[in-house]
């Protein structure tokens, strides 16, 4: 793992006056299909909203189809939408020929100055043709820890020639630096922007999911896939129950049921967790559910900088998890030193859970420190200003 830096470069402006020359300029975002809305799309909308509000920028999102939630969110912040049907996987020559059509549409209709693709597949497609569009700027925006990137000729060329490379995580930065032998100053880490909701408790989600009001509720937010390593969390939870006799501990794994669902249910049965494990699938109101939660645990083996950790931190919740760079970036080194355990170490993680159960005031104190960290390092304004800095210093 490469060395992690927890500080923001001093030269990044702290207000929008530094970017007054960008007023009214044309920005074009690429965030995928308009019916799909997830973490990367949310960050794109946050940035677009700040550009419209602070710079009166002319912002358009180009999508590959649909008219769903992403389109609604884009329009709600004052940006426009445009559709160009494109197979961004670029699996055959006919797909790749579509890129020339995309370049023509951009140059003739939208006349972009700044192209901002999100996630690797959009970065490859737009990066391949950006110079044909008349734009002054295009970036590579790394939104995960390296999935889908194979080191192809096109990827290598883009890493050399794109004006900027940004990542929302240390994990993504370190992957790109290692995969493409990039110098340390080539990749700029821009923390996600997180909305800061009001703090408070809500018992209604407990009633809805059948969790007793006096239970100590532990939650993990993440789809049921192998790299989330829910099996280690189940073992840690069983260990915490052993260390806390007489305590009503409940565990909720929130996320879509994918390939590890059956193995999770089987292990829960073997560990005797049938009465205290909840698998609600996707939950629409994550914030409401978190307000009913006492502790969040994130057991992933690899992550960027997960919203499943940042969002509970913003609500003032304590967080435990696996000692990976994504969680260190989120929590900060001081909190990480006492809140993270080695991957697969269910005994250590179980002991950490039991300590929070036994010392509730410590959890409250650490939760407030987590919220303060979000305010200082993960605000939407800071994310947007850092993004503009990445653009402006190239130009």
Protein backbone atom coordinates (compact mmCIF):
# COMPACT_ATOMS: atom_id res chain seq x y z
CA UNK A 1 0.00 0.00 0.00
CA UNK A 2 1.34 3.44 -0.87
CA UNK A 3 1.72 6.17 1.70
CA UNK A 4 -1.53 7.93 2.53
CA UNK A 5 -1.85 11.65 3.03
CA UNK A 6 -4.65 13.08 5.14
CA UNK A 7 -4.12 16.75 4.43
CA UNK A 8 -5.52 19.02 1.75
CA UNK A 9 -2.98 20.93 -0.39
CA UNK A 10 -2.76 24.45 1.02
CA UNK A 11 -3.22 26.16 -2.34
CA UNK A 12 -6.78 24.94 -2.90
CA UNK A 13 -9.03 28.02 -2.61
CA UNK A 14 -11.62 28.15 0.15
CA UNK A 15 -14.16 30.31 -1.70
CA UNK A 16 -15.52 30.70 -5.23
CA UNK A 17 -14.05 34.14 -5.88
CA UNK A 18 -10.88 32.41 -7.09
CA UNK A 19 -12.85 30.90 -9.98
CA UNK A 20 -14.73 34.00 -11.15
CA UNK A 21 -13.23 33.58 -14.66
CA UNK A 22 -15.29 30.39 -15.04
CA UNK A 23 -18.64 32.19 -14.78
CA UNK A 24 -21.07 31.13 -17.48
CA UNK A 25 -18.71 28.53 -18.97
CA UNK A 26 -19.97 25.29 -20.54
CA UNK A 27 -19.52 22.03 -18.62
CA UNK A 28 -20.68 18.65 -19.94
CA UNK A 29 -20.99 15.71 -17.54
CA UNK A 30 -21.20 12.02 -18.45
CA UNK A 31 -22.73 9.92 -15.68
CA UNK A 32 -24.35 7.04 -17.53
CA UNK A 33 -27.95 6.01 -18.12
CA UNK A 34 -30.56 8.43 -16.81
CA UNK A 35 -32.48 5.61 -15.12
CA UNK A 36 -29.51 4.65 -12.91
CA UNK A 37 -28.59 6.64 -9.82
CA UNK A 38 -25.87 5.60 -7.39
CA UNK A 39 -22.89 7.06 -5.54
CA UNK A 40 -20.91 8.34 -8.53
CA UNK A 41 -24.01 9.90 -10.08
CA UNK A 42 -24.84 11.61 -6.80
CA UNK A 43 -21.39 13.18 -6.65
CA UNK A 44 -21.73 14.40 -10.24
CA UNK A 45 -25.06 16.05 -9.41
CA UNK A 46 -23.58 17.68 -6.29
CA UNK A 47 -20.75 19.20 -8.34
CA UNK A 48 -23.10 20.29 -11.11
CA UNK A 49 -25.36 22.01 -8.59
CA UNK A 50 -22.45 23.96 -7.14
CA UNK A 51 -21.28 25.03 -10.60
CA UNK A 52 -24.74 26.32 -11.46
CA UNK A 53 -25.24 28.05 -8.10
CA UNK A 54 -21.79 29.54 -7.61
CA UNK A 55 -20.67 30.23 -11.20
CA UNK A 56 -23.94 30.42 -13.13
CA UNK A 57 -22.35 27.75 -15.34
CA UNK A 58 -24.04 26.22 -18.39
CA UNK A 59 -24.18 22.55 -17.32
CA UNK A 60 -25.45 19.62 -19.40
CA UNK A 61 -25.49 15.92 -18.59
CA UNK A 62 -25.19 13.58 -21.57
CA UNK A 63 -26.75 10.19 -20.86
CA UNK A 64 -27.05 7.01 -22.87
CA UNK A 65 -30.85 6.79 -22.51
CA UNK A 66 -33.72 6.79 -20.05
CA UNK A 67 -35.55 9.52 -18.18
CA UNK A 68 -35.42 8.26 -14.61
CA UNK A 69 -34.06 9.44 -11.28
CA UNK A 70 -30.72 10.74 -12.56
CA UNK A 71 -32.53 12.98 -15.04
CA UNK A 72 -34.80 14.26 -12.26
CA UNK A 73 -31.85 14.99 -9.97
CA UNK A 74 -29.92 16.74 -12.75
CA UNK A 75 -32.83 19.01 -13.61
CA UNK A 76 -33.47 19.77 -9.92
CA UNK A 77 -30.09 21.53 -9.63
CA UNK A 78 -30.60 23.64 -12.75
CA UNK A 79 -28.64 21.53 -15.23
CA UNK A 80 -29.86 20.22 -18.60
CA UNK A 81 -30.04 16.73 -20.05
CA UNK A 82 -29.22 15.38 -23.50
CA UNK A 83 -29.41 11.81 -24.76
CA UNK A 84 -26.94 10.09 -27.05
CA UNK A 85 -27.45 6.28 -27.27
CA UNK A 86 -24.04 4.72 -26.81
CA UNK A 87 -22.73 1.29 -25.89
CA UNK A 88 -19.97 2.42 -23.55
CA UNK A 89 -18.46 -1.08 -23.33
CA UNK A 90 -17.04 -0.56 -26.85
CA UNK A 91 -16.98 -4.29 -27.55
CA UNK A 92 -16.94 -4.09 -31.37
CA UNK A 93 -16.04 -1.69 -34.15
CA UNK A 94 -19.63 -0.59 -34.69
CA UNK A 95 -19.73 0.49 -31.04
CA UNK A 96 -16.51 2.41 -31.46
CA UNK A 97 -17.77 4.16 -34.58
CA UNK A 98 -20.54 5.59 -32.41
CA UNK A 99 -17.87 7.62 -30.65
CA UNK A 100 -17.36 9.70 -33.76
CA UNK A 101 -21.08 10.44 -33.71
CA UNK A 102 -20.82 11.45 -30.06
CA UNK A 103 -17.90 13.76 -30.84
CA UNK A 104 -19.87 15.34 -33.69
CA UNK A 105 -22.93 15.89 -31.49
CA UNK A 106 -20.85 17.47 -28.75
CA UNK A 107 -18.96 19.76 -31.09
CA UNK A 108 -21.97 20.91 -33.09
CA UNK A 109 -24.72 21.04 -30.46
CA UNK A 110 -23.23 21.47 -26.99
CA UNK A 111 -19.86 23.11 -27.77
CA UNK A 112 -18.32 22.00 -24.46
CA UNK A 113 -15.38 23.69 -22.81
CA UNK A 114 -14.98 21.15 -20.00
CA UNK A 115 -15.81 17.44 -20.23
CA UNK A 116 -16.36 15.64 -16.92
CA UNK A 117 -16.96 11.88 -17.31
CA UNK A 118 -17.66 9.79 -14.20
CA UNK A 119 -16.63 6.13 -13.68
CA UNK A 120 -14.06 4.26 -15.75
CA UNK A 121 -16.21 3.18 -18.71
CA UNK A 122 -17.34 6.73 -19.42
CA UNK A 123 -13.79 8.01 -18.98
CA UNK A 124 -12.55 5.60 -21.66
CA UNK A 125 -15.31 6.47 -24.12
CA UNK A 126 -15.12 10.24 -23.70
CA UNK A 127 -11.34 10.28 -23.28
CA UNK A 128 -10.94 8.56 -26.65
CA UNK A 129 -12.64 11.41 -28.52
CA UNK A 130 -12.41 14.49 -26.33
CA UNK A 131 -9.96 16.35 -28.57
CA UNK A 132 -12.45 16.07 -31.45
CA UNK A 133 -15.12 17.94 -29.48
CA UNK A 134 -13.37 21.30 -29.24
CA UNK A 135 -13.22 21.05 -25.42
CA UNK A 136 -10.31 22.50 -23.45
CA UNK A 137 -10.34 19.93 -20.69
CA UNK A 138 -11.23 16.31 -19.92
CA UNK A 139 -10.37 14.23 -16.88
CA UNK A 140 -10.17 10.61 -15.84
CA UNK A 141 -12.39 10.28 -12.76
CA UNK A 142 -11.63 7.08 -10.82
CA UNK A 143 -14.65 6.20 -8.66
CA UNK A 144 -13.68 2.73 -7.37
CA UNK A 145 -10.63 0.71 -6.40
CA UNK A 146 -9.83 -0.43 -9.95
CA UNK A 147 -12.60 -2.75 -11.17
CA UNK A 148 -12.90 -3.03 -14.95
CA UNK A 149 -9.46 -1.60 -15.78
CA UNK A 150 -7.15 -4.01 -17.62
CA UNK A 151 -4.16 -1.89 -18.65
CA UNK A 152 -5.15 -1.74 -22.33
CA UNK A 153 -3.40 0.40 -24.91
CA UNK A 154 -6.21 2.98 -24.77
CA UNK A 155 -6.10 3.17 -20.97
CA UNK A 156 -2.33 3.64 -21.00
CA UNK A 157 -2.59 6.39 -23.60
CA UNK A 158 -5.28 8.21 -21.62
CA UNK A 159 -3.23 8.05 -18.43
CA UNK A 160 -0.41 9.78 -20.31
CA UNK A 161 -2.38 12.37 -22.25
CA UNK A 162 -5.54 13.42 -20.39
CA UNK A 163 -5.15 16.84 -18.77
CA UNK A 164 -6.02 15.54 -15.29
CA UNK A 165 -6.62 12.33 -13.37
CA UNK A 166 -8.70 12.47 -10.20
CA UNK A 167 -9.87 9.84 -7.74
CA UNK A 168 -12.26 9.94 -4.82
CA UNK A 169 -10.13 7.53 -2.80
CA UNK A 170 -6.59 6.67 -1.80
CA UNK A 171 -7.34 3.13 -2.96
CA UNK A 172 -8.21 4.32 -6.47
CA UNK A 173 -5.17 6.60 -6.60
CA UNK A 174 -2.82 3.85 -5.47
CA UNK A 175 -4.28 1.42 -7.99
CA UNK A 176 -3.74 3.81 -10.91
CA UNK A 177 -0.24 4.72 -9.79
CA UNK A 178 0.74 1.06 -9.52
CA UNK A 179 -1.05 -0.15 -12.66
CA UNK A 180 0.24 2.59 -14.96
CA UNK A 181 3.47 3.59 -13.17
CA UNK A 182 2.26 7.15 -12.61
CA UNK A 183 4.21 9.72 -10.56
CA UNK A 184 2.66 10.73 -7.21
CA UNK A 185 1.56 14.16 -8.41
CA UNK A 186 -0.35 12.78 -11.42
CA UNK A 187 -3.46 11.68 -9.48
CA UNK A 188 -5.40 14.21 -7.40
CA UNK A 189 -7.55 12.74 -4.61
CA UNK A 190 -10.82 14.65 -4.22
CA UNK A 191 -12.91 13.51 -1.26
CA UNK A 192 -16.59 12.81 -1.85
CA UNK A 193 -19.02 15.51 -0.81
CA UNK A 194 -21.49 14.40 1.86
CA UNK A 195 -24.65 16.22 2.90
CA UNK A 196 -24.71 16.97 6.62
CA UNK A 197 -28.18 15.97 7.91
CA UNK A 198 -29.53 16.92 11.31
CA UNK A 199 -28.71 14.51 14.06
CA UNK A 200 -31.38 12.62 16.00
CA UNK A 201 -32.90 9.23 16.71
CA UNK A 202 -35.84 7.55 14.95
CA UNK A 203 -37.49 4.42 16.35
CA UNK A 204 -39.92 3.85 13.46
CA UNK A 205 -37.43 1.84 11.32
CA UNK A 206 -36.97 -0.53 14.26
CA UNK A 207 -40.69 -1.16 14.42
CA UNK A 208 -40.82 -1.69 10.65
CA UNK A 209 -37.99 -4.24 10.66
CA UNK A 210 -38.96 -6.02 13.87
CA UNK A 211 -36.05 -4.81 16.00
CA UNK A 212 -36.75 -4.36 19.72
CA UNK A 213 -36.53 -0.78 20.95
CA UNK A 214 -34.07 -1.73 23.70
CA UNK A 215 -31.76 -3.73 21.41
CA UNK A 216 -28.26 -2.61 20.48
CA UNK A 217 -28.55 -2.42 16.67
CA UNK A 218 -25.46 -2.90 14.50
CA UNK A 219 -25.72 -2.27 10.76
CA UNK A 220 -23.60 -2.67 7.65
CA UNK A 221 -24.54 -0.87 4.43
CA UNK A 222 -23.39 -2.80 1.36
CA UNK A 223 -24.70 -5.26 -1.22
CA UNK A 224 -24.24 -8.94 -0.39
CA UNK A 225 -21.16 -9.62 -2.53
CA UNK A 226 -17.89 -11.46 -1.77
CA UNK A 227 -15.63 -8.42 -1.45
CA UNK A 228 -17.84 -7.00 1.33
CA UNK A 229 -16.88 -10.04 3.45
CA UNK A 230 -20.09 -10.27 5.46
CA UNK A 231 -19.02 -13.73 6.67
CA UNK A 232 -16.24 -12.24 8.80
CA UNK A 233 -18.75 -9.75 10.21
CA UNK A 234 -21.14 -12.58 11.12
CA UNK A 235 -18.38 -14.35 13.04
CA UNK A 236 -17.39 -11.08 14.74
CA UNK A 237 -21.01 -10.46 15.70
CA UNK A 238 -21.27 -13.94 17.21
CA UNK A 239 -18.07 -13.25 19.16
CA UNK A 240 -19.46 -9.94 20.43
CA UNK A 241 -22.59 -11.73 21.64
CA UNK A 242 -20.39 -14.20 23.53
CA UNK A 243 -18.46 -11.33 25.13
CA UNK A 244 -21.65 -9.45 26.06
CA UNK A 245 -23.90 -11.99 27.80
CA UNK A 246 -27.34 -10.69 28.62
CA UNK A 247 -27.19 -7.96 25.94
CA UNK A 248 -29.74 -7.96 23.11
CA UNK A 249 -27.48 -7.45 20.08
CA UNK A 250 -29.07 -7.28 16.64
CA UNK A 251 -27.32 -7.19 13.25
CA UNK A 252 -28.80 -5.75 10.03
CA UNK A 253 -27.08 -6.25 6.65
CA UNK A 254 -28.58 -3.64 4.35
CA UNK A 255 -28.11 -4.17 0.61
CA UNK A 256 -29.28 -6.07 -2.44
CA UNK A 257 -29.15 -9.85 -2.20
CA UNK A 258 -26.45 -11.06 -4.56
CA UNK A 259 -24.13 -14.09 -4.73
CA UNK A 260 -23.21 -14.42 -1.03
CA UNK A 261 -26.79 -14.34 0.29
CA UNK A 262 -27.08 -18.13 0.61
CA UNK A 263 -23.72 -18.50 2.36
CA UNK A 264 -24.62 -15.71 4.79
CA UNK A 265 -27.87 -17.43 5.72
CA UNK A 266 -26.11 -20.78 6.11
CA UNK A 267 -23.40 -19.37 8.39
CA UNK A 268 -25.98 -17.46 10.44
CA UNK A 269 -27.78 -20.77 11.03
CA UNK A 270 -24.55 -22.51 12.06
CA UNK A 271 -23.72 -19.67 14.48
CA UNK A 272 -27.21 -19.62 15.97
CA UNK A 273 -28.00 -16.09 14.78
CA UNK A 274 -31.45 -16.75 13.30
CA UNK A 275 -33.27 -14.54 15.79
CA UNK A 276 -30.92 -11.57 15.65
CA UNK A 277 -29.94 -11.24 11.95
CA UNK A 278 -31.97 -9.05 9.60
CA UNK A 279 -31.58 -9.03 5.80
CA UNK A 280 -33.97 -6.33 4.55
CA UNK A 281 -32.44 -5.96 1.07
CA UNK A 282 -32.30 -2.45 -0.35
CA UNK A 283 -33.74 0.21 1.97
CA UNK A 284 -35.06 3.40 0.39
CA UNK A 285 -34.56 5.59 3.46
CA UNK A 286 -31.01 4.79 4.54
CA UNK A 287 -30.79 7.96 6.64
CA UNK A 288 -33.90 7.00 8.60
CA UNK A 289 -32.56 3.50 9.22
CA UNK A 290 -29.22 4.86 10.39
CA UNK A 291 -31.03 7.07 12.90
CA UNK A 292 -32.33 3.84 14.44
CA UNK A 293 -28.82 2.31 14.55
CA UNK A 294 -26.29 2.32 17.39
CA UNK A 295 -23.15 1.22 15.54
CA UNK A 296 -22.05 0.78 11.92
CA UNK A 297 -19.52 -1.92 11.01
CA UNK A 298 -17.96 -2.18 7.53
CA UNK A 299 -16.08 -5.43 6.90
CA UNK A 300 -15.03 -4.98 3.25
CA UNK A 301 -11.81 -6.44 1.93
CA UNK A 302 -11.36 -3.60 -0.55
CA UNK A 303 -13.10 -0.27 -1.06
CA UNK A 304 -12.65 3.19 -2.40
CA UNK A 305 -13.98 5.63 0.19
CA UNK A 306 -17.42 4.13 0.88
CA UNK A 307 -20.57 6.18 1.30
CA UNK A 308 -21.73 3.33 3.54
CA UNK A 309 -19.22 4.69 6.06
CA UNK A 310 -19.32 8.43 5.29
CA UNK A 311 -23.10 8.74 5.63
CA UNK A 312 -23.31 7.24 9.15
CA UNK A 313 -20.33 9.41 10.15
CA UNK A 314 -22.29 12.46 9.00
CA UNK A 315 -25.12 11.39 11.33
CA UNK A 316 -22.74 11.19 14.27
CA UNK A 317 -22.53 7.40 14.50
CA UNK A 318 -19.50 5.40 15.62
CA UNK A 319 -17.97 3.22 12.90
CA UNK A 320 -15.84 0.07 13.09
CA UNK A 321 -14.41 -1.88 10.20
CA UNK A 322 -11.58 -3.49 8.31
CA UNK A 323 -8.17 -1.86 8.17
CA UNK A 324 -8.18 -0.86 4.50
CA UNK A 325 -7.20 2.49 2.99
CA UNK A 326 -10.79 3.47 2.15
CA UNK A 327 -11.81 3.35 5.80
CA UNK A 328 -8.61 5.06 6.94
CA UNK A 329 -9.33 7.88 4.50
CA UNK A 330 -12.88 8.20 5.84
CA UNK A 331 -12.13 7.99 9.56
CA UNK A 332 -8.74 9.69 9.68
CA UNK A 333 -5.62 8.09 11.11
CA UNK A 334 -6.36 8.83 14.77
CA UNK A 335 -9.82 7.25 14.78
CA UNK A 336 -8.71 4.43 12.47
CA UNK A 337 -5.98 3.39 14.88
CA UNK A 338 -8.57 2.35 17.47
CA UNK A 339 -11.55 1.49 15.26
CA UNK A 340 -10.19 -0.85 12.57
CA UNK A 341 -9.11 -4.49 12.66
CA UNK A 342 -7.08 -6.56 10.17
CA UNK A 343 -9.02 -8.17 7.31
CA UNK A 344 -10.55 -11.55 8.24
CA UNK A 345 -9.75 -11.04 11.95
CA UNK A 346 -13.24 -11.72 13.32
CA UNK A 347 -12.00 -12.08 16.90
CA UNK A 348 -10.47 -8.60 16.97
CA UNK A 349 -13.52 -7.08 15.26
CA UNK A 350 -15.84 -8.88 17.67
CA UNK A 351 -13.89 -7.50 20.62
CA UNK A 352 -14.10 -3.96 19.21
CA UNK A 353 -17.88 -4.33 18.86
CA UNK A 354 -18.15 -5.57 22.46
CA UNK A 355 -16.20 -2.54 23.71
CA UNK A 356 -18.73 -0.15 22.18
CA UNK A 357 -21.59 -2.20 23.62
CA UNK A 358 -20.01 -2.07 27.08
CA UNK A 359 -19.06 1.62 26.91
CA UNK A 360 -21.95 3.44 25.24
CA UNK A 361 -20.60 6.91 26.05
CA UNK A 362 -17.41 6.17 24.10
CA UNK A 363 -19.55 5.41 21.05
CA UNK A 364 -21.36 8.74 21.44
CA UNK A 365 -18.06 10.60 21.75
CA UNK A 366 -16.53 8.88 18.71
CA UNK A 367 -19.69 9.47 16.69
CA UNK A 368 -19.48 13.22 17.32
CA UNK A 369 -15.82 13.17 16.25
CA UNK A 370 -16.83 11.37 13.05
CA UNK A 371 -19.41 14.04 12.24
CA UNK A 372 -16.82 16.77 12.79
CA UNK A 373 -14.48 15.01 10.35
CA UNK A 374 -17.20 15.00 7.68
CA UNK A 375 -17.70 18.74 8.19
CA UNK A 376 -14.00 19.46 7.84
CA UNK A 377 -12.94 17.07 5.05
CA UNK A 378 -16.01 15.81 3.15
CA UNK A 379 -18.35 18.76 2.62
CA UNK A 380 -19.99 19.27 -0.78
CA UNK A 381 -18.50 22.76 -1.03
CA UNK A 382 -14.98 21.45 -0.40
CA UNK A 383 -15.42 18.70 -3.00
CA UNK A 384 -16.61 21.23 -5.60
CA UNK A 385 -13.84 23.73 -4.88
CA UNK A 386 -11.22 20.99 -5.09
CA UNK A 387 -12.70 19.81 -8.40
CA UNK A 388 -12.50 23.34 -9.81
CA UNK A 389 -8.92 23.60 -8.58
CA UNK A 390 -8.05 20.41 -10.48
CA UNK A 391 -9.53 21.96 -13.63
CA UNK A 392 -8.16 25.46 -13.25
CA UNK A 393 -4.56 24.59 -12.47
CA UNK A 394 -4.30 22.64 -15.75
CA UNK A 395 -5.63 25.59 -17.73
